[in-house]
Amino acid sequence: MRRDETRRVTERLRADAQGIARAAELLRQGRLVALPTETVYGLAADATSGEAVAGIYGAKERPSFNPLIAHLPDLAAARRQGLFDANALALAKAFWPGPLTLVVPVSGGCEVSELARAGLGSVALRVPAHPVARAILQAADRPIAAPSANRSGRVSATSAAHVLEDLDGRIDAVVDAGPTEVGVESTIVACLDGAPRLLRPGGVPRSAIEGVIGRPLVLAGEAGMAPISPGLLASHYAPSAGVRLDAQAPRPGEAWLGFGPEPHGAVPGNPALNLSATGDLAEAAANLFGHLRALDALGPAMIAVAAIPMQGLGEAINDRLRRAAAPR
C-alpha cells in the first residue's frame, strides 16, 4: 500500500490553546493538519520538508508541477524566504495579513523546499489573517505549505466538515474553527521581472491592488505557460456534475445555482440554491464552494449557474466557476 493510501486516524481539534499547540506539534513532526484561514481551509505541512510536502501531494492527489503557497506569521518571516521589490513590499504592507499571495524570487536563505516550489526559482508567500492560523504558524516556527484542504480538482473546503468529506483518514488532524469568512482563495500576484502580474483573482480585488501600485496589473494567461503559482490549472475546483455558466434559467434535470433576486427560480422537483438573494458578492463568495458541494452531493448531471457580475469579488467567483466548468 502506497503512503498516500494508508489510512490514519484524523484528529478533530478545537480552535483553542490546546488544539493550536497540538496542531503545531504535528506540523513540526512532518504530519498533515487541515487548518482554517480566512479564505478556505488549508492542508498544512512543514514547507521545509520535502517528505512532508510530498504528503500533501499524496493526500490531495495533486499534480506535482503545481507549486504550493508557503504561509508565514508576519512580513519579517516572509522576507527571510523571498526577495521583495518595491511593489511586493508595498502590497505586503497594504494587504498582509490577508488574502493576498505574492510570488517573489527566492532569497539566499529560503527554506521552502524545492518540491513545494515545483523546482522554480520563485516562491509563493502569504501571511493569513485568521487568528487561529497565525497562532499555529507562530507555534510551528517555520514556513507552512497549505493548499486548499480537498483532493486536487475538487471543490475547496470552507468548513471542517468539508475537509473530512475529502480527506478523513488521509490526514492527521483538522482544526475546527467553524466556516471561513472570505470563501474564495487568495489573490495571487507575481512580483518577479517588471510590472506585477495577476496570476489568480481572489479575496483582494484587482482594483484595490492597482490602487496601491499605481498602475494596471499585467494579466497572466500565455498559452502553454507552466504554472508558477497555485490555481493555474485549466480544470480546477471541479464538482462531479457538469457546470453550465451564465444560465438564464435551469433546464429540466439541472440543479440551479442562482444569484440575486430570481425571476425564474428552479425547475420544480430539482435542487436549487442561491449564492446571495440580495446580490451581495461577498456573501456569494463565502457560499460558493459550500453550495457547489451541496448541489453536487445530490447527484445531478449538470449544475446551471446564474451570471455573476465581473466586478470586485465577482472576478474571483467567475474564475472559480470557469475552472469548475472546464473540460476534464
Protein backbone atom coordinates (compact mmCIF):
# COMPACT_ATOMS: atom_id res chain seq x y z
CA MET A 1 0.00 0.00 0.00
CA ARG A 2 1.41 3.39 -1.01
CA ARG A 3 1.96 6.03 1.67
CA ASP A 4 -0.81 8.26 0.31
CA GLU A 5 -3.29 5.38 0.51
CA THR A 6 -2.52 4.49 4.13
CA ARG A 7 -5.49 5.07 6.41
CA ARG A 8 -4.86 7.03 9.59
CA VAL A 9 -6.95 8.40 12.42
CA THR A 10 -7.83 12.03 11.72
CA GLU A 11 -8.00 14.03 14.96
CA ARG A 12 -10.62 16.79 15.14
CA LEU A 13 -9.03 19.56 17.18
CA ARG A 14 -10.71 22.53 18.78
CA ALA A 15 -9.53 26.02 17.87
CA ASP A 16 -8.28 26.67 21.41
CA ALA A 17 -4.84 26.83 23.01
CA GLN A 18 -4.64 23.06 23.37
CA GLY A 19 -5.73 22.43 19.79
CA ILE A 20 -3.31 25.04 18.44
CA ALA A 21 -0.42 23.51 20.39
CA ARG A 22 -1.30 20.03 19.15
CA ALA A 23 -1.55 21.20 15.54
CA ALA A 24 1.86 22.90 15.74
CA GLU A 25 3.38 19.78 17.30
CA LEU A 26 2.04 17.61 14.49
CA LEU A 27 3.36 20.03 11.85
CA ARG A 28 6.84 20.01 13.43
CA GLN A 29 6.71 16.19 13.23
CA GLY A 30 6.10 16.37 9.47
CA ARG A 31 2.41 15.44 9.74
CA LEU A 32 -0.59 16.77 7.81
CA VAL A 33 -3.03 19.17 9.50
CA ALA A 34 -6.00 20.98 7.95
CA LEU A 35 -6.32 24.45 9.42
CA PRO A 36 -8.67 27.39 8.95
CA THR A 37 -7.71 30.55 7.13
CA GLU A 38 -9.92 33.49 6.26
CA THR A 39 -10.21 32.20 2.68
CA VAL A 40 -10.66 28.40 2.77
CA TYR A 41 -9.33 25.56 4.93
CA GLY A 42 -5.73 24.73 4.07
CA LEU A 43 -3.99 21.36 4.17
CA ALA A 44 -0.85 22.27 6.08
CA ALA A 45 2.57 20.64 6.28
CA ASP A 46 6.14 21.72 7.02
CA ALA A 47 7.19 23.54 3.84
CA THR A 48 10.87 23.00 4.63
CA SER A 49 10.50 19.22 4.47
CA GLY A 50 10.24 17.59 1.06
CA GLU A 51 8.79 14.48 2.67
CA ALA A 52 6.07 16.45 4.44
CA VAL A 53 5.24 18.31 1.23
CA ALA A 54 5.06 15.01 -0.64
CA GLY A 55 2.42 14.00 1.92
CA ILE A 56 0.29 16.96 0.78
CA TYR A 57 0.58 15.93 -2.86
CA GLY A 58 -0.28 12.35 -1.93
CA ALA A 59 -3.31 13.23 0.19
CA LYS A 60 -4.64 15.68 -2.40
CA GLU A 61 -3.62 13.58 -5.43
CA ARG A 62 -2.24 16.89 -6.71
CA PRO A 63 -0.07 17.33 -9.84
CA SER A 64 3.50 17.84 -8.66
CA PHE A 65 4.13 20.65 -11.17
CA ASN A 66 1.66 22.97 -9.42
CA PRO A 67 3.54 24.95 -6.73
CA LEU A 68 2.29 25.43 -3.18
CA ILE A 69 1.87 28.62 -1.13
CA ALA A 70 4.09 28.92 1.94
CA HIS A 71 2.32 30.58 4.86
CA LEU A 72 4.17 32.75 7.40
CA PRO A 73 3.08 34.54 10.59
CA ASP A 74 4.29 38.01 9.54
CA LEU A 75 6.13 40.03 6.90
CA ALA A 76 9.50 39.70 8.63
CA ALA A 77 9.28 35.91 8.42
CA ALA A 78 8.19 36.11 4.77
CA ARG A 79 11.16 38.32 3.86
CA ARG A 80 13.52 35.60 5.07
CA GLN A 81 12.12 33.33 2.35
CA GLY A 82 11.76 35.68 -0.63
CA LEU A 83 13.15 38.85 -2.18
CA PHE A 84 10.65 41.72 -2.10
CA ASP A 85 10.96 44.55 -4.60
CA ALA A 86 9.24 47.89 -4.01
CA ASN A 87 5.91 46.69 -5.43
CA ALA A 88 5.91 43.46 -3.43
CA LEU A 89 6.78 45.32 -0.24
CA ALA A 90 4.05 47.90 -0.79
CA LEU A 91 1.45 45.17 -1.41
CA ALA A 92 2.55 43.17 1.62
CA LYS A 93 2.30 46.20 3.87
CA ALA A 94 -1.12 47.09 2.45
CA PHE A 95 -2.79 43.66 2.49
CA TRP A 96 -0.97 41.43 4.98
CA PRO A 97 -2.23 39.79 6.99
CA GLY A 98 -4.94 38.95 4.47
CA PRO A 99 -5.99 37.04 1.34
CA LEU A 100 -3.09 38.04 -0.92
CA THR A 101 -0.29 35.73 -2.09
CA LEU A 102 2.90 37.22 -3.53
CA VAL A 103 5.16 35.24 -5.88
CA VAL A 104 8.69 36.60 -5.50
CA PRO A 105 12.25 35.39 -6.20
CA VAL A 106 13.66 33.06 -3.57
CA SER A 107 16.07 34.56 -1.08
CA GLY A 108 19.54 33.18 -0.48
CA GLY A 109 18.30 31.70 2.80
CA CYS A 110 14.98 30.38 1.53
CA GLU A 111 13.96 27.29 3.49
CA VAL A 112 10.89 26.37 1.42
CA SER A 113 11.63 23.02 -0.19
CA GLU A 114 12.19 22.69 -3.91
CA LEU A 115 9.25 20.29 -4.08
CA ALA A 116 6.92 22.92 -2.63
CA ARG A 117 8.28 25.41 -5.18
CA ALA A 118 7.98 22.85 -8.02
CA GLY A 119 11.66 23.37 -8.76
CA LEU A 120 11.24 27.07 -9.55
CA GLY A 121 13.43 29.98 -8.54
CA SER A 122 10.38 31.77 -7.13
CA VAL A 123 8.30 31.18 -4.03
CA ALA A 124 4.62 31.92 -3.30
CA LEU A 125 4.18 33.54 0.13
CA ARG A 126 1.19 34.60 2.22
CA VAL A 127 0.52 35.92 5.72
CA PRO A 128 -3.04 34.83 6.58
CA ALA A 129 -5.35 36.96 8.70
CA HIS A 130 -7.17 34.18 10.53
CA PRO A 131 -6.09 34.34 14.20
CA VAL A 132 -6.05 30.54 14.60
CA ALA A 133 -3.88 30.09 11.51
CA ARG A 134 -1.46 32.77 12.68
CA ALA A 135 -1.24 31.24 16.15
CA ILE A 136 -0.41 27.85 14.64
CA LEU A 137 2.22 29.41 12.36
CA GLN A 138 3.82 31.20 15.30
CA ALA A 139 3.92 28.00 17.34
CA ALA A 140 5.22 25.85 14.46
CA ASP A 141 8.01 28.41 13.83
CA ARG A 142 8.64 27.51 10.17
CA PRO A 143 7.10 28.13 6.74
CA ILE A 144 3.96 26.04 6.33
CA ALA A 145 2.69 24.92 2.93
CA ALA A 146 -1.09 24.94 2.89
CA PRO A 147 -3.04 24.47 -0.34
CA SER A 148 -6.80 24.10 -0.06
CA ALA A 149 -7.80 21.08 2.05
CA ASN A 150 -9.53 19.00 -0.60
CA ARG A 151 -8.49 16.44 -3.19
CA SER A 152 -6.99 18.08 -6.27
CA GLY A 153 -9.58 19.40 -8.69
CA ARG A 154 -12.41 19.05 -6.18
CA VAL A 155 -14.38 21.90 -4.61
CA SER A 156 -12.40 23.75 -1.93
CA ALA A 157 -13.30 23.25 1.73
CA THR A 158 -14.86 26.11 3.70
CA SER A 159 -15.60 24.10 6.86
CA ALA A 160 -14.04 21.25 8.84
CA ALA A 161 -16.88 19.00 7.66
CA HIS A 162 -15.91 19.68 4.03
CA VAL A 163 -12.31 18.76 4.85
CA LEU A 164 -13.37 15.43 6.32
CA GLU A 165 -15.59 14.65 3.31
CA ASP A 166 -12.48 14.57 1.12
CA LEU A 167 -9.59 13.80 3.47
CA ASP A 168 -10.82 11.86 6.52
CA GLY A 169 -8.34 9.03 7.09
CA ARG A 170 -5.79 10.64 4.75
CA ILE A 171 -4.56 13.39 7.10
CA ASP A 172 -3.60 13.52 10.77
CA ALA A 173 -5.81 16.31 12.09
CA VAL A 174 -8.21 19.14 11.29
CA VAL A 175 -8.56 22.24 13.46
CA ASP A 176 -12.26 23.15 13.55
CA ALA A 177 -12.80 26.91 13.77
CA GLY A 178 -16.17 26.99 12.01
CA PRO A 179 -16.87 28.24 8.47
CA THR A 180 -14.42 30.51 6.69
CA GLU A 181 -15.20 34.17 6.03
CA VAL A 182 -13.93 35.08 2.55
CA GLY A 183 -14.83 31.78 0.90
CA VAL A 184 -12.54 32.04 -2.13
CA GLU A 185 -8.79 31.62 -2.20
CA SER A 186 -6.23 34.40 -2.05
CA THR A 187 -5.45 36.69 -4.93
CA ILE A 188 -2.04 35.78 -6.39
CA VAL A 189 0.28 38.49 -7.76
CA ALA A 190 3.74 37.80 -9.19
CA CYS A 191 6.40 40.41 -8.48
CA LEU A 192 9.29 38.97 -10.45
CA ASP A 193 10.61 40.82 -13.51
CA GLY A 194 8.92 44.06 -14.49
CA ALA A 195 5.33 45.02 -13.76
CA PRO A 196 3.36 42.92 -11.24
CA ARG A 197 1.19 40.23 -12.84
CA LEU A 198 -2.19 38.99 -11.67
CA LEU A 199 -1.96 35.20 -11.69
CA ARG A 200 -5.24 34.43 -9.92
CA PRO A 201 -8.14 36.67 -8.86
CA GLY A 202 -9.17 36.13 -5.27
CA GLY A 203 -10.03 37.67 -1.93
CA VAL A 204 -8.35 41.04 -2.63
CA PRO A 205 -9.99 42.76 -5.64
CA ARG A 206 -7.77 43.75 -8.54
CA SER A 207 -8.80 47.40 -8.21
CA ALA A 208 -7.50 47.57 -4.65
CA ILE A 209 -4.13 46.14 -5.69
CA GLU A 210 -3.84 48.54 -8.62
CA GLY A 211 -4.62 51.40 -6.25
CA VAL A 212 -1.55 50.53 -4.19
CA ILE A 213 0.93 50.04 -7.04
CA GLY A 214 -0.46 52.93 -9.10
CA ARG A 215 -0.70 51.02 -12.36
CA PRO A 216 -2.79 48.30 -14.02
CA LEU A 217 -1.79 44.74 -13.28
CA VAL A 218 -0.50 42.68 -16.19
CA LEU A 219 -2.80 39.70 -16.69
CA ALA A 220 -1.28 36.23 -16.90
CA GLY A 221 -2.62 33.83 -19.50
CA GLU A 222 0.05 32.99 -22.07
CA ALA A 223 -0.93 29.79 -23.85
CA GLY A 224 1.01 26.80 -22.65
CA MET A 225 2.61 28.64 -19.74
CA ALA A 226 3.75 26.26 -17.00
CA PRO A 227 2.09 27.10 -13.68
CA ILE A 228 4.28 29.35 -11.49
CA SER A 229 1.68 29.55 -8.73
CA PRO A 230 -1.26 27.56 -7.42
CA GLY A 231 -4.62 27.77 -9.14
CA LEU A 232 -3.41 27.94 -12.75
CA LEU A 233 -4.59 24.54 -13.97
CA ALA A 234 -7.41 24.92 -16.50
CA SER A 235 -9.72 22.34 -14.90
CA HIS A 236 -9.82 23.04 -11.20
CA TYR A 237 -12.35 23.37 -8.38
CA ALA A 238 -14.47 20.80 -10.25
CA PRO A 239 -17.58 19.07 -8.90
CA SER A 240 -18.59 15.68 -10.31
CA ALA A 241 -21.52 17.26 -12.16
CA GLY A 242 -21.06 19.30 -15.28
CA VAL A 243 -21.31 23.06 -14.89
CA ARG A 244 -23.19 25.38 -17.29
CA LEU A 245 -22.29 29.03 -16.82
CA ASP A 246 -24.22 32.28 -17.35
CA ALA A 247 -27.52 30.43 -17.43
CA GLN A 248 -30.75 32.43 -17.71
CA ALA A 249 -32.71 29.66 -16.02
CA PRO A 250 -32.28 25.93 -15.29
CA ARG A 251 -33.33 23.31 -17.79
CA PRO A 252 -35.23 20.16 -16.83
CA GLY A 253 -32.91 17.83 -14.90
CA GLU A 254 -30.43 20.56 -13.96
CA ALA A 255 -29.62 21.75 -10.46
CA TRP A 256 -29.68 25.54 -10.13
CA LEU A 257 -27.13 27.83 -8.51
CA GLY A 258 -28.66 31.27 -8.55
CA PHE A 259 -27.52 34.79 -7.74
CA GLY A 260 -29.62 37.80 -6.81
CA PRO A 261 -33.41 38.16 -6.99
CA GLU A 262 -34.54 35.46 -9.38
CA PRO A 263 -37.46 35.87 -11.78
CA HIS A 264 -37.11 32.27 -12.98
CA GLY A 265 -36.23 30.12 -9.97
CA ALA A 266 -35.67 26.39 -10.06
CA VAL A 267 -37.45 23.73 -12.06
CA PRO A 268 -39.99 22.11 -9.71
CA GLY A 269 -38.52 18.99 -8.11
CA ASN A 270 -34.92 19.91 -9.00
CA PRO A 271 -32.43 21.13 -6.35
CA ALA A 272 -31.63 24.85 -6.14
CA LEU A 273 -29.53 27.17 -4.01
CA ASN A 274 -28.84 30.90 -4.25
CA LEU A 275 -25.35 32.31 -3.67
CA SER A 276 -26.89 35.60 -2.48
CA ALA A 277 -30.54 36.51 -2.91
CA THR A 278 -29.62 40.19 -2.37
CA GLY A 279 -26.79 40.16 -4.94
CA ASP A 280 -24.03 40.59 -2.33
CA LEU A 281 -20.76 39.40 -3.89
CA ALA A 282 -19.06 38.88 -0.51
CA GLU A 283 -21.92 36.61 0.56
CA ALA A 284 -21.76 34.83 -2.80
CA ALA A 285 -18.02 34.22 -2.42
CA ALA A 286 -18.48 32.82 1.08
CA ASN A 287 -21.22 30.47 -0.15
CA LEU A 288 -19.65 29.40 -3.45
CA PHE A 289 -17.83 26.19 -2.59
CA GLY A 290 -20.32 25.08 0.06
CA HIS A 291 -23.27 25.48 -2.32
CA LEU A 292 -21.43 23.70 -5.14
CA ARG A 293 -20.68 20.81 -2.80
CA ALA A 294 -24.26 20.66 -1.53
CA LEU A 295 -25.74 20.56 -5.04
CA ASP A 296 -23.13 18.11 -6.31
CA ALA A 297 -23.86 15.73 -3.42
CA LEU A 298 -27.41 15.34 -4.74
CA GLY A 299 -26.06 13.74 -7.92
CA PRO A 300 -27.31 15.96 -10.77
CA ALA A 301 -25.74 15.54 -14.20
CA MET A 302 -25.49 19.31 -14.60
CA ILE A 303 -25.44 22.40 -12.39
CA ALA A 304 -26.68 25.55 -14.14
CA VAL A 305 -25.18 28.74 -12.71
CA ALA A 306 -26.64 32.22 -12.98
CA ALA A 307 -24.50 35.04 -14.35
CA ILE A 308 -22.23 36.72 -11.77
CA PRO A 309 -21.11 40.34 -12.30
CA MET A 310 -17.44 40.75 -13.23
CA GLN A 311 -16.61 43.33 -10.58
CA GLY A 312 -14.85 43.17 -7.22
CA LEU A 313 -15.04 39.64 -5.80
CA GLY A 314 -17.15 38.66 -8.81
CA GLU A 315 -13.92 38.31 -10.80
CA ALA A 316 -12.65 35.64 -8.40
CA ILE A 317 -16.03 33.88 -8.30
CA ASN A 318 -16.18 33.74 -12.10
CA ASP A 319 -12.59 32.48 -12.25
CA ARG A 320 -13.50 29.55 -9.97
CA LEU A 321 -16.67 28.81 -11.92
CA ARG A 322 -14.82 28.80 -15.26
CA ARG A 323 -12.35 26.29 -13.85
CA ALA A 324 -15.20 24.17 -12.49
CA ALA A 325 -16.77 24.15 -15.95
CA ALA A 326 -13.54 23.42 -17.89
CA PRO A 327 -13.28 20.11 -19.80
CA ARG A 328 -11.68 17.36 -17.70
